[in-house]
Amino acid sequence: MDWFWNTVLIVGVAGVVVSSLVAFQRHLAKPGGRTGTGGAAGIGLMESLFAPSSYEARIELERQGQMQAPAPVPGDPLRGLQVAVDEEGLPSRVVISANNHLP
């Protein structure tokens, strides 16, 4: 009967390992799931203790990097877009520039 408990123990440990790996993979699949994982979190803790101004600057950079661009409102100029119209008022040529510089 000793083999039975050894088998139960091995199957139980394998089940815990597999379920924790599945949970971790599901965590990574979520948006933003890959931020804050790994050994860098421990280094961030040490940085916050010994160099708080550097830590706060890094946090501010991360916050600014995650900010979304402001949505355009009606009346804003169309940057990066040039539309040429003919005599009838119909668009004849449209130029879209990715870096906001027009020819």
C-alpha atoms as a PDB file:
ATOM      1  CA  MET A   1       0.000   0.000   0.000  1.00  0.00           C
ATOM      2  CA  ASP A   2       3.055   2.203   0.232  1.00  0.00           C
ATOM      3  CA  TRP A   3       3.164   2.578  -3.547  1.00  0.00           C
ATOM      4  CA  PHE A   4      -0.399   3.963  -3.519  1.00  0.00           C
ATOM      5  CA  TRP A   5       0.480   6.966  -1.356  1.00  0.00           C
ATOM      6  CA  ASN A   6       3.630   7.619  -3.390  1.00  0.00           C
ATOM      7  CA  THR A   7       1.523   7.644  -6.553  1.00  0.00           C
ATOM      8  CA  VAL A   8      -1.047   9.968  -4.972  1.00  0.00           C
ATOM      9  CA  LEU A   9       1.735  12.324  -3.885  1.00  0.00           C
ATOM     10  CA  ILE A  10       3.350  12.381  -7.332  1.00  0.00           C
ATOM     11  CA  VAL A  11       0.020  12.923  -9.111  1.00  0.00           C
ATOM     12  CA  GLY A  12      -0.922  15.655  -6.623  1.00  0.00           C
ATOM     13  CA  VAL A  13       2.358  17.539  -7.079  1.00  0.00           C
ATOM     14  CA  ALA A  14       2.079  17.213 -10.869  1.00  0.00           C
ATOM     15  CA  GLY A  15      -1.490  18.537 -10.716  1.00  0.00           C
ATOM     16  CA  VAL A  16      -0.451  21.562  -8.674  1.00  0.00           C
ATOM     17  CA  VAL A  17       2.424  22.314 -11.067  1.00  0.00           C
ATOM     18  CA  VAL A  18       0.237  22.000 -14.166  1.00  0.00           C
ATOM     19  CA  SER A  19      -2.596  24.093 -12.712  1.00  0.00           C
ATOM     20  CA  SER A  20      -0.211  26.850 -11.634  1.00  0.00           C
ATOM     21  CA  LEU A  21       1.392  26.900 -15.104  1.00  0.00           C
ATOM     22  CA  VAL A  22      -2.036  27.172 -16.731  1.00  0.00           C
ATOM     23  CA  ALA A  23      -3.002  30.008 -14.388  1.00  0.00           C
ATOM     24  CA  PHE A  24       0.264  31.824 -15.136  1.00  0.00           C
ATOM     25  CA  GLN A  25      -0.235  31.472 -18.900  1.00  0.00           C
ATOM     26  CA  ARG A  26      -3.773  32.840 -18.611  1.00  0.00           C
ATOM     27  CA  HIS A  27      -2.392  35.780 -16.640  1.00  0.00           C
ATOM     28  CA  LEU A  28       0.121  36.499 -19.420  1.00  0.00           C
ATOM     29  CA  ALA A  29      -2.600  36.336 -22.074  1.00  0.00           C
ATOM     30  CA  LYS A  30      -4.496  39.266 -20.540  1.00  0.00           C
ATOM     31  CA  PRO A  31      -3.725  42.811 -21.722  1.00  0.00           C
ATOM     32  CA  GLY A  32      -0.911  44.162 -19.570  1.00  0.00           C
ATOM     33  CA  GLY A  33      -0.239  40.706 -18.152  1.00  0.00           C
ATOM     34  CA  ARG A  34       3.458  40.805 -18.956  1.00  0.00           C
ATOM     35  CA  THR A  35       4.229  43.957 -16.990  1.00  0.00           C
ATOM     36  CA  GLY A  36       5.695  43.600 -13.537  1.00  0.00           C
ATOM     37  CA  THR A  37       6.725  39.957 -13.795  1.00  0.00           C
ATOM     38  CA  GLY A  38      10.212  38.631 -13.296  1.00  0.00           C
ATOM     39  CA  GLY A  39      13.207  39.618 -11.228  1.00  0.00           C
ATOM     40  CA  ALA A  40      12.947  43.290 -12.152  1.00  0.00           C
ATOM     41  CA  ALA A  41      10.240  43.730  -9.529  1.00  0.00           C
ATOM     42  CA  GLY A  42      12.739  42.953  -6.763  1.00  0.00           C
ATOM     43  CA  ILE A  43      15.253  45.376  -8.228  1.00  0.00           C
ATOM     44  CA  GLY A  44      12.516  48.023  -8.356  1.00  0.00           C
ATOM     45  CA  LEU A  45      11.947  47.533  -4.642  1.00  0.00           C
ATOM     46  CA  MET A  46      15.644  48.062  -3.900  1.00  0.00           C
ATOM     47  CA  GLU A  47      15.664  51.120  -6.154  1.00  0.00           C
ATOM     48  CA  SER A  48      12.689  52.605  -4.309  1.00  0.00           C
ATOM     49  CA  LEU A  49      14.543  52.196  -1.009  1.00  0.00           C
ATOM     50  CA  PHE A  50      17.992  53.474  -2.004  1.00  0.00           C
ATOM     51  CA  ALA A  51      17.226  55.896  -4.881  1.00  0.00           C
ATOM     52  CA  PRO A  52      13.653  57.153  -4.492  1.00  0.00           C
ATOM     53  CA  SER A  53      13.974  60.020  -6.980  1.00  0.00           C
ATOM     54  CA  SER A  54      15.193  57.651  -9.705  1.00  0.00           C
ATOM     55  CA  TYR A  55      12.375  55.247  -8.899  1.00  0.00           C
ATOM     56  CA  GLU A  56       9.749  58.003  -9.098  1.00  0.00           C
ATOM     57  CA  ALA A  57      11.179  59.206 -12.419  1.00  0.00           C
ATOM     58  CA  ARG A  58      10.989  55.681 -13.862  1.00  0.00           C
ATOM     59  CA  ILE A  59       7.399  55.286 -12.661  1.00  0.00           C
ATOM     60  CA  GLU A  60       6.493  58.623 -14.287  1.00  0.00           C
ATOM     61  CA  LEU A  61       8.100  57.535 -17.579  1.00  0.00           C
ATOM     62  CA  GLU A  62       6.112  54.294 -17.517  1.00  0.00           C
ATOM     63  CA  ARG A  63       2.909  56.210 -16.797  1.00  0.00           C
ATOM     64  CA  GLN A  64       3.529  58.611 -19.676  1.00  0.00           C
ATOM     65  CA  GLY A  65       4.328  55.706 -21.990  1.00  0.00           C
ATOM     66  CA  GLN A  66       0.987  54.090 -21.225  1.00  0.00           C
ATOM     67  CA  MET A  67      -1.050  57.259 -21.783  1.00  0.00           C
ATOM     68  CA  GLN A  68      -3.227  57.355 -24.858  1.00  0.00           C
ATOM     69  CA  ALA A  69      -2.981  60.099 -27.419  1.00  0.00           C
ATOM     70  CA  PRO A  70      -5.717  62.716 -27.077  1.00  0.00           C
ATOM     71  CA  ALA A  71      -8.618  62.223 -29.446  1.00  0.00           C
ATOM     72  CA  PRO A  72      -9.130  64.939 -32.047  1.00  0.00           C
ATOM     73  CA  VAL A  73     -12.070  67.254 -31.562  1.00  0.00           C
ATOM     74  CA  PRO A  74     -14.114  68.934 -34.284  1.00  0.00           C
ATOM     75  CA  GLY A  75     -12.357  72.044 -35.532  1.00  0.00           C
ATOM     76  CA  ASP A  76      -8.810  70.721 -35.068  1.00  0.00           C
ATOM     77  CA  PRO A  77      -6.616  71.194 -38.141  1.00  0.00           C
ATOM     78  CA  LEU A  78      -5.990  68.049 -40.173  1.00  0.00           C
ATOM     79  CA  ARG A  79      -2.283  67.472 -39.660  1.00  0.00           C
ATOM     80  CA  GLY A  80      -0.687  65.053 -42.073  1.00  0.00           C
ATOM     81  CA  LEU A  81      -3.639  65.154 -44.472  1.00  0.00           C
ATOM     82  CA  GLN A  82      -3.817  67.213 -47.644  1.00  0.00           C
ATOM     83  CA  VAL A  83      -6.806  67.073 -49.981  1.00  0.00           C
ATOM     84  CA  ALA A  84      -6.711  68.699 -53.421  1.00  0.00           C
ATOM     85  CA  VAL A  85     -10.096  69.493 -54.959  1.00  0.00           C
ATOM     86  CA  ASP A  86     -10.986  70.183 -58.562  1.00  0.00           C
ATOM     87  CA  GLU A  87     -13.258  72.920 -59.968  1.00  0.00           C
ATOM     88  CA  GLU A  88     -16.414  71.034 -59.009  1.00  0.00           C
ATOM     89  CA  GLY A  89     -15.350  70.685 -55.372  1.00  0.00           C
ATOM     90  CA  LEU A  90     -14.666  66.956 -55.597  1.00  0.00           C
ATOM     91  CA  PRO A  91     -11.456  65.545 -54.124  1.00  0.00           C
ATOM     92  CA  SER A  92      -8.962  64.745 -56.852  1.00  0.00           C
ATOM     93  CA  ARG A  93      -5.853  63.978 -54.805  1.00  0.00           C
ATOM     94  CA  VAL A  94      -5.367  62.946 -51.167  1.00  0.00           C
ATOM     95  CA  VAL A  95      -1.925  62.891 -49.517  1.00  0.00           C
ATOM     96  CA  ILE A  96      -1.531  61.280 -46.092  1.00  0.00           C
ATOM     97  CA  SER A  97       1.749  61.827 -44.257  1.00  0.00           C
ATOM     98  CA  ALA A  98       2.601  59.734 -41.191  1.00  0.00           C
ATOM     99  CA  ASN A  99       5.037  62.248 -39.683  1.00  0.00           C
ATOM    100  CA  ASN A 100       2.788  65.332 -40.114  1.00  0.00           C
ATOM    101  CA  HIS A 101       4.987  66.840 -42.860  1.00  0.00           C
ATOM    102  CA  LEU A 102       3.252  67.611 -46.126  1.00  0.00           C
ATOM    103  CA  PRO A 103       4.981  68.046 -49.496  1.00  0.00           C
END
